């Protein structure tokens, strides 16, 4: 294992060319509770507070794990692809609906896309990061974040995501694999 810095990862990203129109799209993918959001927020800051989009905002409930992509593409990726700003509404898990104000996603030089399935953007990605952590830690983090009442849904979600990551070999396609068990700087486990 070798340690790296957020600034170092940011420099690697900025050296690469945009592949989604004029935008460098960076995916931060991995299983629930691995630390993707915290990692993405720190990376975003290192990149100069670029736009950060969460795939969870596009999910229409627990069973929309694979179908949300069409909404994400239509509302955010397609506009960025053509050099325009995207926008979306966040899914409200309590109300079970997309509500609230529109969230703008500027056509920036770099946009970070964080969440399950974000590496699905494939050839339009400039850089792909897979965040992982031990299963027990991930379960504890997820239940602390979402509440003990989500356990049945979460366990069903985890079975589907584990199957997806195994079949897709997602981590093998990442530019870097990062341990979600870190404090100040990420620990790169691969590449």
N, C-alpha and C. Protein backbone atom coordinates (compact mmCIF):
# COMPACT_ATOMS: atom_id res chain seq x y z
N UNK A 1 0.84 -1.19 0.00
CA UNK A 1 0.00 0.00 0.00
C UNK A 1 0.88 1.24 0.00
N UNK A 2 0.37 2.26 -0.65
CA UNK A 2 1.10 3.51 -0.62
C UNK A 2 0.10 4.64 -0.33
N UNK A 3 0.54 5.55 0.47
CA UNK A 3 -0.33 6.67 0.81
C UNK A 3 -0.24 7.71 -0.29
N UNK A 4 -1.29 8.45 -0.48
CA UNK A 4 -1.32 9.55 -1.42
C UNK A 4 -2.02 10.70 -0.73
N UNK A 5 -2.16 11.80 -1.42
CA UNK A 5 -2.88 12.93 -0.86
C UNK A 5 -4.04 13.27 -1.78
N UNK A 6 -5.00 13.98 -1.24
CA UNK A 6 -6.10 14.44 -2.07
C UNK A 6 -5.58 15.36 -3.16
N UNK A 7 -4.61 16.21 -2.81
CA UNK A 7 -4.02 17.10 -3.81
C UNK A 7 -3.34 16.29 -4.91
N UNK A 8 -2.69 15.18 -4.55
CA UNK A 8 -2.03 14.34 -5.54
C UNK A 8 -3.03 13.69 -6.49
N UNK A 9 -4.15 13.20 -5.95
CA UNK A 9 -5.19 12.61 -6.79
C UNK A 9 -5.79 13.70 -7.69
N UNK A 10 -6.01 14.88 -7.12
CA UNK A 10 -6.55 16.00 -7.91
C UNK A 10 -5.62 16.34 -9.07
N UNK A 11 -4.32 16.36 -8.83
CA UNK A 11 -3.37 16.66 -9.91
C UNK A 11 -3.45 15.61 -11.02
N UNK A 12 -3.58 14.35 -10.63
CA UNK A 12 -3.71 13.27 -11.63
C UNK A 12 -4.94 13.48 -12.50
N UNK A 13 -6.04 13.88 -11.87
CA UNK A 13 -7.29 14.12 -12.60
C UNK A 13 -7.12 15.28 -13.57
N UNK A 14 -6.54 16.37 -13.10
CA UNK A 14 -6.42 17.57 -13.93
C UNK A 14 -5.45 17.40 -15.09
N UNK A 15 -4.57 16.42 -15.02
CA UNK A 15 -3.65 16.15 -16.14
C UNK A 15 -4.35 15.40 -17.28
N UNK A 16 -5.51 14.86 -17.01
CA UNK A 16 -6.23 14.10 -18.03
C UNK A 16 -7.20 15.00 -18.79
N UNK A 17 -7.52 14.55 -20.00
CA UNK A 17 -8.41 15.36 -20.84
C UNK A 17 -9.88 15.09 -20.49
N UNK A 18 -10.72 16.07 -20.73
CA UNK A 18 -12.16 15.88 -20.54
C UNK A 18 -12.69 14.84 -21.52
N UNK A 19 -13.69 14.08 -21.08
CA UNK A 19 -14.29 13.05 -21.94
C UNK A 19 -15.81 13.17 -22.00
N UNK A 20 -16.38 14.05 -21.18
CA UNK A 20 -17.82 14.32 -21.21
C UNK A 20 -17.97 15.75 -21.70
N UNK A 21 -17.96 15.95 -23.01
CA UNK A 21 -17.91 17.30 -23.55
C UNK A 21 -16.60 17.93 -23.11
N UNK A 22 -16.68 19.07 -22.46
CA UNK A 22 -15.49 19.76 -21.94
C UNK A 22 -15.30 19.53 -20.45
N UNK A 23 -16.01 18.55 -19.91
CA UNK A 23 -15.98 18.26 -18.47
C UNK A 23 -15.18 17.00 -18.18
N UNK A 24 -14.34 17.07 -17.17
CA UNK A 24 -13.68 15.88 -16.63
C UNK A 24 -14.62 15.29 -15.59
N UNK A 25 -15.26 14.19 -15.92
CA UNK A 25 -16.19 13.54 -15.01
C UNK A 25 -15.41 12.52 -14.18
N UNK A 26 -15.50 12.66 -12.86
CA UNK A 26 -14.78 11.80 -11.92
C UNK A 26 -15.80 10.99 -11.14
N UNK A 27 -15.70 9.67 -11.19
CA UNK A 27 -16.62 8.80 -10.45
C UNK A 27 -15.98 8.37 -9.14
N UNK A 28 -16.77 8.41 -8.07
CA UNK A 28 -16.37 7.85 -6.77
C UNK A 28 -17.43 6.80 -6.44
N UNK A 29 -17.11 5.55 -6.72
CA UNK A 29 -18.04 4.43 -6.61
C UNK A 29 -17.62 3.54 -5.45
N UNK A 30 -18.46 2.60 -5.10
CA UNK A 30 -18.15 1.64 -4.05
C UNK A 30 -19.39 1.25 -3.29
N UNK A 31 -19.26 0.29 -2.38
CA UNK A 31 -20.42 -0.20 -1.64
C UNK A 31 -20.90 0.77 -0.57
N UNK A 32 -22.14 0.57 -0.12
CA UNK A 32 -22.74 1.42 0.91
C UNK A 32 -21.89 1.42 2.17
N UNK A 33 -21.71 2.61 2.73
CA UNK A 33 -20.98 2.75 3.98
C UNK A 33 -19.47 2.69 3.86
N UNK A 34 -18.94 2.65 2.64
CA UNK A 34 -17.49 2.54 2.46
C UNK A 34 -16.76 3.85 2.72
N UNK A 35 -17.46 4.97 2.63
CA UNK A 35 -16.82 6.27 2.82
C UNK A 35 -16.74 7.09 1.55
N UNK A 36 -17.57 6.77 0.56
CA UNK A 36 -17.56 7.46 -0.73
C UNK A 36 -17.85 8.95 -0.59
N UNK A 37 -18.87 9.29 0.18
CA UNK A 37 -19.29 10.69 0.29
C UNK A 37 -18.20 11.53 0.95
N UNK A 38 -17.65 11.04 2.03
CA UNK A 38 -16.57 11.78 2.72
C UNK A 38 -15.37 11.94 1.79
N UNK A 39 -15.00 10.86 1.10
CA UNK A 39 -13.89 10.93 0.16
C UNK A 39 -14.18 11.95 -0.93
N UNK A 40 -15.38 11.88 -1.53
CA UNK A 40 -15.74 12.78 -2.63
C UNK A 40 -15.74 14.24 -2.19
N UNK A 41 -16.22 14.51 -0.98
CA UNK A 41 -16.22 15.89 -0.48
C UNK A 41 -14.80 16.42 -0.31
N UNK A 42 -13.91 15.59 0.21
CA UNK A 42 -12.51 16.00 0.36
C UNK A 42 -11.83 16.18 -1.00
N UNK A 43 -12.11 15.29 -1.93
CA UNK A 43 -11.54 15.41 -3.27
C UNK A 43 -12.07 16.66 -3.96
N UNK A 44 -13.35 16.90 -3.81
CA UNK A 44 -13.96 18.11 -4.39
C UNK A 44 -13.25 19.36 -3.92
N UNK A 45 -12.95 19.43 -2.65
CA UNK A 45 -12.24 20.59 -2.10
C UNK A 45 -10.84 20.71 -2.71
N UNK A 46 -10.15 19.59 -2.86
CA UNK A 46 -8.81 19.60 -3.45
C UNK A 46 -8.84 20.04 -4.91
N UNK A 47 -9.96 19.79 -5.57
CA UNK A 47 -10.10 20.18 -6.97
C UNK A 47 -10.58 21.62 -7.14
N UNK A 48 -10.81 22.32 -6.03
CA UNK A 48 -11.24 23.71 -6.10
C UNK A 48 -12.74 23.89 -5.98
N UNK A 49 -13.36 23.09 -5.12
CA UNK A 49 -14.81 23.16 -4.88
C UNK A 49 -15.63 23.03 -6.16
N UNK A 50 -15.31 22.02 -6.93
CA UNK A 50 -16.04 21.71 -8.16
C UNK A 50 -17.42 21.15 -7.81
N UNK A 51 -18.33 21.10 -8.77
CA UNK A 51 -19.65 20.52 -8.50
C UNK A 51 -19.54 19.05 -8.08
N UNK A 52 -20.38 18.67 -7.12
CA UNK A 52 -20.45 17.31 -6.61
C UNK A 52 -21.89 16.83 -6.75
N UNK A 53 -22.09 15.74 -7.47
CA UNK A 53 -23.41 15.17 -7.72
C UNK A 53 -23.47 13.81 -7.04
N UNK A 54 -24.54 13.54 -6.29
CA UNK A 54 -24.71 12.28 -5.57
C UNK A 54 -25.75 11.42 -6.28
N UNK A 55 -25.39 10.18 -6.61
CA UNK A 55 -26.36 9.31 -7.28
C UNK A 55 -27.58 9.04 -6.40
N UNK A 56 -27.41 9.08 -5.07
CA UNK A 56 -28.55 8.87 -4.16
C UNK A 56 -29.68 9.87 -4.42
N UNK A 57 -29.33 11.06 -4.91
CA UNK A 57 -30.35 12.07 -5.18
C UNK A 57 -31.28 11.67 -6.33
N UNK A 58 -30.88 10.68 -7.13
CA UNK A 58 -31.64 10.26 -8.29
C UNK A 58 -32.43 8.97 -8.07
N UNK A 59 -32.17 8.31 -6.95
CA UNK A 59 -32.85 7.05 -6.65
C UNK A 59 -34.31 7.30 -6.28
N UNK A 60 -35.19 6.53 -6.86
CA UNK A 60 -36.60 6.60 -6.52
C UNK A 60 -36.91 5.48 -5.53
N UNK A 61 -36.27 5.56 -4.35
CA UNK A 61 -36.45 4.56 -3.30
C UNK A 61 -35.41 3.45 -3.35
N UNK A 62 -35.54 2.53 -2.43
CA UNK A 62 -34.57 1.45 -2.24
C UNK A 62 -34.46 0.51 -3.44
N UNK A 63 -35.52 0.36 -4.20
CA UNK A 63 -35.51 -0.62 -5.28
C UNK A 63 -35.15 -0.01 -6.64
N UNK A 64 -34.66 1.20 -6.64
CA UNK A 64 -34.30 1.89 -7.88
C UNK A 64 -32.79 1.87 -8.10
N UNK A 65 -32.15 0.89 -7.56
CA UNK A 65 -30.69 0.81 -7.54
C UNK A 65 -30.07 0.85 -8.94
N UNK A 66 -30.74 0.34 -9.93
CA UNK A 66 -30.17 0.27 -11.27
C UNK A 66 -30.91 1.11 -12.29
N UNK A 67 -32.12 1.55 -11.99
CA UNK A 67 -32.94 2.27 -12.97
C UNK A 67 -32.76 3.78 -12.93
N UNK A 68 -32.08 4.31 -11.95
CA UNK A 68 -31.96 5.77 -11.80
C UNK A 68 -31.13 6.42 -12.91
N UNK A 69 -30.31 5.62 -13.60
CA UNK A 69 -29.32 6.19 -14.53
C UNK A 69 -29.96 7.05 -15.61
N UNK A 70 -31.12 6.65 -16.10
CA UNK A 70 -31.78 7.42 -17.16
C UNK A 70 -32.07 8.86 -16.69
N UNK A 71 -32.53 9.02 -15.43
CA UNK A 71 -32.78 10.36 -14.89
C UNK A 71 -31.49 11.15 -14.80
N UNK A 72 -30.44 10.52 -14.28
CA UNK A 72 -29.14 11.18 -14.15
C UNK A 72 -28.63 11.62 -15.52
N UNK A 73 -28.73 10.75 -16.51
CA UNK A 73 -28.24 11.09 -17.84
C UNK A 73 -29.04 12.24 -18.45
N UNK A 74 -30.35 12.15 -18.36
CA UNK A 74 -31.20 13.18 -18.96
C UNK A 74 -31.00 14.55 -18.30
N UNK A 75 -30.95 14.58 -16.98
CA UNK A 75 -30.94 15.85 -16.25
C UNK A 75 -29.55 16.46 -16.06
N UNK A 76 -28.51 15.62 -16.03
CA UNK A 76 -27.18 16.15 -15.72
C UNK A 76 -26.15 15.81 -16.81
N UNK A 77 -25.99 14.53 -17.13
CA UNK A 77 -24.90 14.16 -18.04
C UNK A 77 -25.13 14.66 -19.47
N UNK A 78 -26.33 14.54 -19.99
CA UNK A 78 -26.60 15.01 -21.36
C UNK A 78 -26.34 16.51 -21.51
N UNK A 79 -26.84 17.34 -20.59
CA UNK A 79 -26.51 18.77 -20.71
C UNK A 79 -25.00 19.03 -20.63
N UNK A 80 -24.31 18.38 -19.69
CA UNK A 80 -22.85 18.58 -19.59
C UNK A 80 -22.15 18.13 -20.87
N UNK A 81 -22.62 17.04 -21.44
CA UNK A 81 -22.06 16.52 -22.68
C UNK A 81 -22.07 17.58 -23.78
N UNK A 82 -23.11 18.41 -23.79
CA UNK A 82 -23.23 19.45 -24.81
C UNK A 82 -22.80 20.83 -24.32
N UNK A 83 -22.11 20.88 -23.17
CA UNK A 83 -21.56 22.14 -22.68
C UNK A 83 -22.54 23.02 -21.93
N UNK A 84 -23.70 22.46 -21.58
CA UNK A 84 -24.71 23.23 -20.85
C UNK A 84 -24.78 22.77 -19.39
N UNK A 85 -25.33 23.60 -18.54
CA UNK A 85 -25.52 23.24 -17.14
C UNK A 85 -26.65 22.22 -17.03
N UNK A 86 -26.53 21.32 -16.08
CA UNK A 86 -27.60 20.39 -15.77
C UNK A 86 -28.31 20.84 -14.51
N UNK A 87 -29.33 20.09 -14.14
CA UNK A 87 -30.04 20.39 -12.89
C UNK A 87 -30.88 19.18 -12.52
N UNK A 88 -31.21 19.09 -11.24
CA UNK A 88 -32.03 17.97 -10.78
C UNK A 88 -32.66 18.33 -9.45
N UNK A 89 -33.67 17.58 -9.11
CA UNK A 89 -34.27 17.66 -7.78
C UNK A 89 -33.81 16.45 -6.98
N UNK A 90 -33.66 16.63 -5.68
CA UNK A 90 -33.23 15.54 -4.81
C UNK A 90 -34.42 14.68 -4.41
N UNK A 91 -34.14 13.40 -4.27
CA UNK A 91 -35.17 12.48 -3.79
C UNK A 91 -35.28 12.63 -2.28
N UNK A 92 -36.49 12.82 -1.80
CA UNK A 92 -36.76 12.93 -0.37
C UNK A 92 -37.20 11.54 0.11
N UNK A 93 -36.33 10.89 0.88
CA UNK A 93 -36.57 9.51 1.31
C UNK A 93 -37.75 9.42 2.27
N UNK A 94 -38.03 10.47 3.01
CA UNK A 94 -39.17 10.48 3.93
C UNK A 94 -40.49 10.58 3.16
N UNK A 95 -40.55 11.43 2.16
CA UNK A 95 -41.77 11.66 1.40
C UNK A 95 -41.93 10.70 0.23
N UNK A 96 -40.82 10.08 -0.19
CA UNK A 96 -40.88 9.16 -1.32
C UNK A 96 -41.12 9.85 -2.64
N UNK A 97 -40.51 11.04 -2.81
CA UNK A 97 -40.73 11.80 -4.04
C UNK A 97 -39.55 12.74 -4.29
N UNK A 98 -39.43 13.17 -5.55
CA UNK A 98 -38.43 14.18 -5.91
C UNK A 98 -39.07 15.54 -5.64
N UNK A 99 -38.51 16.28 -4.72
CA UNK A 99 -39.11 17.54 -4.29
C UNK A 99 -38.03 18.60 -4.09
N UNK A 100 -38.50 19.77 -3.72
CA UNK A 100 -37.59 20.85 -3.38
C UNK A 100 -37.12 21.62 -4.60
N UNK A 101 -36.23 22.56 -4.36
CA UNK A 101 -35.73 23.39 -5.46
C UNK A 101 -34.82 22.59 -6.40
N UNK A 102 -34.70 23.09 -7.59
CA UNK A 102 -33.77 22.49 -8.55
C UNK A 102 -32.35 22.75 -8.09
N UNK A 103 -31.51 21.73 -8.18
CA UNK A 103 -30.10 21.84 -7.82
C UNK A 103 -29.32 22.01 -9.12
N UNK A 104 -28.65 23.17 -9.29
CA UNK A 104 -27.90 23.38 -10.53
C UNK A 104 -26.59 22.59 -10.54
N UNK A 105 -26.20 22.12 -11.71
CA UNK A 105 -24.91 21.47 -11.91
C UNK A 105 -24.23 22.20 -13.06
N UNK A 106 -23.35 23.15 -12.73
CA UNK A 106 -22.71 23.94 -13.79
C UNK A 106 -21.85 23.10 -14.72
N UNK A 107 -21.71 23.57 -15.93
CA UNK A 107 -20.82 22.93 -16.91
C UNK A 107 -19.40 23.35 -16.55
N UNK A 108 -18.83 22.66 -15.57
CA UNK A 108 -17.52 23.01 -15.02
C UNK A 108 -16.43 22.14 -15.64
N UNK A 109 -15.17 22.55 -15.51
CA UNK A 109 -14.07 21.73 -16.03
C UNK A 109 -13.98 20.36 -15.37
N UNK A 110 -14.44 20.25 -14.10
CA UNK A 110 -14.46 18.97 -13.38
C UNK A 110 -15.78 18.87 -12.63
N UNK A 111 -16.41 17.70 -12.71
CA UNK A 111 -17.60 17.38 -11.92
C UNK A 111 -17.35 16.02 -11.28
N UNK A 112 -17.58 15.94 -9.96
CA UNK A 112 -17.43 14.68 -9.24
C UNK A 112 -18.81 14.04 -9.11
N UNK A 113 -18.91 12.79 -9.54
CA UNK A 113 -20.15 12.01 -9.44
C UNK A 113 -19.91 10.92 -8.41
N UNK A 114 -20.61 11.02 -7.29
CA UNK A 114 -20.38 10.11 -6.16
C UNK A 114 -21.59 9.22 -5.94
N UNK A 115 -21.32 7.94 -5.71
CA UNK A 115 -22.38 7.03 -5.31
C UNK A 115 -22.36 5.73 -6.06
N UNK A 116 -23.21 4.83 -5.59
CA UNK A 116 -23.30 3.50 -6.19
C UNK A 116 -23.60 3.62 -7.68
N UNK A 117 -22.82 2.92 -8.49
CA UNK A 117 -23.05 2.89 -9.92
C UNK A 117 -22.47 4.05 -10.69
N UNK A 118 -21.76 4.96 -10.04
CA UNK A 118 -21.24 6.13 -10.73
C UNK A 118 -20.23 5.78 -11.82
N UNK A 119 -19.54 4.64 -11.68
CA UNK A 119 -18.58 4.25 -12.71
C UNK A 119 -19.27 3.75 -13.98
N UNK A 120 -20.59 3.68 -13.95
CA UNK A 120 -21.35 3.27 -15.12
C UNK A 120 -21.14 4.22 -16.29
N UNK A 121 -20.67 5.43 -16.03
CA UNK A 121 -20.42 6.41 -17.09
C UNK A 121 -19.32 5.96 -18.04
N UNK A 122 -18.55 4.96 -17.64
CA UNK A 122 -17.58 4.30 -18.50
C UNK A 122 -16.66 5.19 -19.30
N UNK A 123 -16.82 5.18 -20.62
CA UNK A 123 -15.88 5.87 -21.50
C UNK A 123 -15.94 7.39 -21.37
N UNK A 124 -16.98 7.91 -20.73
CA UNK A 124 -17.05 9.36 -20.53
C UNK A 124 -16.35 9.81 -19.25
N UNK A 125 -15.86 8.84 -18.48
CA UNK A 125 -15.14 9.17 -17.25
C UNK A 125 -13.71 9.57 -17.55
N UNK A 126 -13.28 10.61 -16.89
CA UNK A 126 -11.87 11.00 -16.95
C UNK A 126 -11.08 10.20 -15.92
N UNK A 127 -11.72 9.91 -14.78
CA UNK A 127 -11.02 9.23 -13.68
C UNK A 127 -12.06 8.48 -12.86
N UNK A 128 -11.72 7.25 -12.44
CA UNK A 128 -12.64 6.43 -11.66
C UNK A 128 -11.97 5.97 -10.38
N UNK A 129 -12.67 6.16 -9.27
CA UNK A 129 -12.17 5.81 -7.94
C UNK A 129 -13.16 4.84 -7.31
N UNK A 130 -12.66 3.75 -6.76
CA UNK A 130 -13.49 2.78 -6.06
C UNK A 130 -13.08 2.80 -4.60
N UNK A 131 -14.03 3.10 -3.72
CA UNK A 131 -13.77 3.17 -2.28
C UNK A 131 -14.32 1.90 -1.63
N UNK A 132 -13.52 1.27 -0.79
CA UNK A 132 -13.92 0.02 -0.16
C UNK A 132 -13.60 0.08 1.34
N UNK A 133 -14.26 -0.77 2.10
CA UNK A 133 -14.02 -0.88 3.55
C UNK A 133 -14.57 -2.23 4.00
N UNK A 134 -14.14 -2.70 5.16
CA UNK A 134 -14.65 -3.98 5.67
C UNK A 134 -16.17 -3.95 5.86
N UNK A 135 -16.80 -5.10 5.59
CA UNK A 135 -18.25 -5.21 5.63
C UNK A 135 -18.90 -4.79 6.94
N UNK A 136 -18.33 -5.18 8.06
CA UNK A 136 -18.93 -4.82 9.36
C UNK A 136 -18.90 -3.31 9.59
N UNK A 137 -17.79 -2.68 9.22
CA UNK A 137 -17.66 -1.23 9.36
C UNK A 137 -18.69 -0.55 8.46
N UNK A 138 -18.82 -1.03 7.25
CA UNK A 138 -19.77 -0.43 6.31
C UNK A 138 -21.20 -0.55 6.83
N UNK A 139 -21.55 -1.71 7.37
CA UNK A 139 -22.90 -1.90 7.91
C UNK A 139 -23.14 -0.95 9.08
N UNK A 140 -22.18 -0.86 9.98
CA UNK A 140 -22.33 0.04 11.14
C UNK A 140 -22.51 1.49 10.68
N UNK A 141 -21.67 1.94 9.75
CA UNK A 141 -21.78 3.31 9.24
C UNK A 141 -23.13 3.57 8.60
N UNK A 142 -23.59 2.62 7.79
CA UNK A 142 -24.87 2.80 7.09
C UNK A 142 -26.03 2.88 8.06
N UNK A 143 -26.04 2.00 9.07
CA UNK A 143 -27.13 2.02 10.04
C UNK A 143 -27.08 3.27 10.91
N UNK A 144 -25.88 3.74 11.26
CA UNK A 144 -25.77 4.98 12.02
C UNK A 144 -26.28 6.17 11.21
N UNK A 145 -26.00 6.16 9.93
CA UNK A 145 -26.41 7.26 9.04
C UNK A 145 -27.91 7.23 8.77
N UNK A 146 -28.44 6.04 8.44
CA UNK A 146 -29.82 5.94 7.96
C UNK A 146 -30.82 5.43 8.99
N UNK A 147 -30.33 4.92 10.13
CA UNK A 147 -31.23 4.44 11.17
C UNK A 147 -31.41 2.93 11.13
N UNK A 148 -31.60 2.35 12.30
CA UNK A 148 -31.74 0.89 12.44
C UNK A 148 -32.95 0.36 11.68
N UNK A 149 -33.98 1.17 11.50
CA UNK A 149 -35.18 0.74 10.79
C UNK A 149 -34.95 0.44 9.31
N UNK A 150 -33.81 0.91 8.78
CA UNK A 150 -33.52 0.67 7.36
C UNK A 150 -32.83 -0.67 7.12
N UNK A 151 -32.54 -1.40 8.21
CA UNK A 151 -31.74 -2.63 8.09
C UNK A 151 -32.26 -3.62 7.04
N UNK A 152 -33.57 -3.97 6.99
CA UNK A 152 -34.04 -4.91 5.96
C UNK A 152 -33.78 -4.40 4.54
N UNK A 153 -34.10 -3.13 4.30
CA UNK A 153 -33.85 -2.54 2.97
C UNK A 153 -32.36 -2.51 2.67
N UNK A 154 -31.57 -2.13 3.65
CA UNK A 154 -30.13 -2.04 3.46
C UNK A 154 -29.52 -3.40 3.14
N UNK A 155 -29.94 -4.43 3.85
CA UNK A 155 -29.39 -5.77 3.58
C UNK A 155 -29.76 -6.25 2.17
N UNK A 156 -30.97 -5.94 1.73
CA UNK A 156 -31.39 -6.29 0.36
C UNK A 156 -30.54 -5.50 -0.64
N UNK A 157 -30.34 -4.22 -0.37
CA UNK A 157 -29.51 -3.35 -1.21
C UNK A 157 -28.09 -3.92 -1.31
N UNK A 158 -27.53 -4.30 -0.17
CA UNK A 158 -26.15 -4.80 -0.15
C UNK A 158 -26.00 -6.09 -0.95
N UNK A 159 -26.98 -6.97 -0.89
CA UNK A 159 -26.91 -8.20 -1.69
C UNK A 159 -26.84 -7.87 -3.18
N UNK A 160 -27.68 -6.92 -3.60
CA UNK A 160 -27.70 -6.54 -5.02
C UNK A 160 -26.41 -5.82 -5.41
N UNK A 161 -25.91 -4.94 -4.55
CA UNK A 161 -24.69 -4.22 -4.91
C UNK A 161 -23.49 -5.18 -4.92
N UNK A 162 -23.43 -6.12 -4.00
CA UNK A 162 -22.34 -7.10 -4.00
C UNK A 162 -22.34 -7.92 -5.28
N UNK A 163 -23.53 -8.34 -5.71
CA UNK A 163 -23.65 -9.11 -6.96
C UNK A 163 -23.19 -8.25 -8.15
N UNK A 164 -23.63 -6.99 -8.16
CA UNK A 164 -23.25 -6.08 -9.24
C UNK A 164 -21.73 -5.89 -9.30
N UNK A 165 -21.11 -5.60 -8.16
CA UNK A 165 -19.66 -5.35 -8.16
C UNK A 165 -18.88 -6.60 -8.58
N UNK A 166 -19.37 -7.78 -8.19
CA UNK A 166 -18.69 -9.01 -8.57
C UNK A 166 -18.83 -9.27 -10.07
N UNK A 167 -20.04 -9.14 -10.60
CA UNK A 167 -20.27 -9.39 -12.02
C UNK A 167 -19.60 -8.35 -12.91
N UNK A 168 -19.64 -7.11 -12.50
CA UNK A 168 -19.10 -6.00 -13.28
C UNK A 168 -17.58 -5.87 -13.12
N UNK A 169 -17.05 -6.45 -12.03
CA UNK A 169 -15.63 -6.29 -11.68
C UNK A 169 -15.29 -4.79 -11.61
N UNK A 170 -16.15 -4.04 -10.96
CA UNK A 170 -16.05 -2.59 -10.91
C UNK A 170 -14.70 -2.12 -10.40
N UNK A 171 -14.23 -2.68 -9.30
CA UNK A 171 -12.95 -2.24 -8.72
C UNK A 171 -11.80 -2.43 -9.71
N UNK A 172 -11.85 -3.46 -10.52
CA UNK A 172 -10.78 -3.72 -11.49
C UNK A 172 -10.74 -2.67 -12.59
N UNK A 173 -11.85 -1.97 -12.81
CA UNK A 173 -11.92 -0.93 -13.85
C UNK A 173 -11.55 0.45 -13.32
N UNK A 174 -11.35 0.58 -12.02
CA UNK A 174 -11.05 1.88 -11.42
C UNK A 174 -9.60 2.28 -11.68
N UNK A 175 -9.38 3.58 -11.74
CA UNK A 175 -8.01 4.10 -11.83
C UNK A 175 -7.28 3.89 -10.51
N UNK A 176 -8.02 4.04 -9.42
CA UNK A 176 -7.47 3.78 -8.09
C UNK A 176 -8.54 3.14 -7.22
N UNK A 177 -8.09 2.27 -6.33
CA UNK A 177 -8.95 1.70 -5.30
C UNK A 177 -8.45 2.28 -3.99
N UNK A 178 -9.38 2.82 -3.21
CA UNK A 178 -9.04 3.55 -2.00
C UNK A 178 -9.66 2.87 -0.79
N UNK A 179 -8.90 2.74 0.28
CA UNK A 179 -9.44 2.24 1.53
C UNK A 179 -10.32 3.32 2.16
N UNK A 180 -11.52 2.94 2.54
CA UNK A 180 -12.42 3.88 3.22
C UNK A 180 -12.12 3.97 4.71
N UNK A 181 -11.07 3.29 5.16
CA UNK A 181 -10.63 3.36 6.56
C UNK A 181 -9.40 4.25 6.60
N UNK A 182 -9.63 5.54 6.68
CA UNK A 182 -8.54 6.51 6.68
C UNK A 182 -8.97 7.72 7.49
N UNK A 183 -8.04 8.59 7.73
CA UNK A 183 -8.35 9.76 8.55
C UNK A 183 -8.06 11.05 7.79
N UNK A 184 -6.78 11.40 7.66
CA UNK A 184 -6.44 12.67 7.02
C UNK A 184 -6.25 12.55 5.52
N UNK A 185 -5.62 11.51 5.06
CA UNK A 185 -5.35 11.34 3.64
C UNK A 185 -5.77 9.93 3.22
N UNK A 186 -6.12 9.77 1.95
CA UNK A 186 -6.56 8.46 1.48
C UNK A 186 -5.40 7.48 1.39
N UNK A 187 -5.71 6.22 1.50
CA UNK A 187 -4.73 5.16 1.29
C UNK A 187 -5.12 4.46 -0.01
N UNK A 188 -4.26 4.59 -1.01
CA UNK A 188 -4.54 3.95 -2.29
C UNK A 188 -4.13 2.50 -2.20
N UNK A 189 -5.05 1.62 -2.52
CA UNK A 189 -4.78 0.18 -2.41
C UNK A 189 -4.30 -0.40 -3.73
N UNK A 190 -4.44 0.36 -4.80
CA UNK A 190 -4.14 -0.18 -6.11
C UNK A 190 -3.74 0.96 -7.05
N UNK A 191 -2.87 0.65 -7.99
CA UNK A 191 -2.47 1.58 -9.05
C UNK A 191 -1.89 2.86 -8.52
